[in-house]
Amino acid sequence: MVKPVAVIPLPGYRLHLKYADGVEGEVDLSRFVGKGVFAEWHDVTAFEAVTIGDHGEIRWNENIDICSDALYLEITRKSPDDIFPNLKTPADA
């Protein structure tokens, strides 16, 4: 999958992401605030501490990370089949 090259926290628990292929856009993560490990985001400074991890994940600390592939799909509005055509079986084609 395409690696993220930049992540910028925005107000309202949104992120601006840029990927190595030039795709960039915003994702709204406010739906996660207060749920499970994302309870830490009640402190907005914890949300603003976002980075790109060693494996391309979007991470905040050792407890919180999100798959950058899922965010890429959200930004592009593509499905996994669009990105990985080999996932389709002959019956799907």
Foldseek 3Di string as FASTA:
>chain_A
DWAWDDWAADPQQKIWTATPVGDIDMDHPNVCDCPDPNVVCVPVVLSRQWDQDPVRWTARDPVDTDRVVVVVCVSVVHDVCVVPVVVDDPVRD
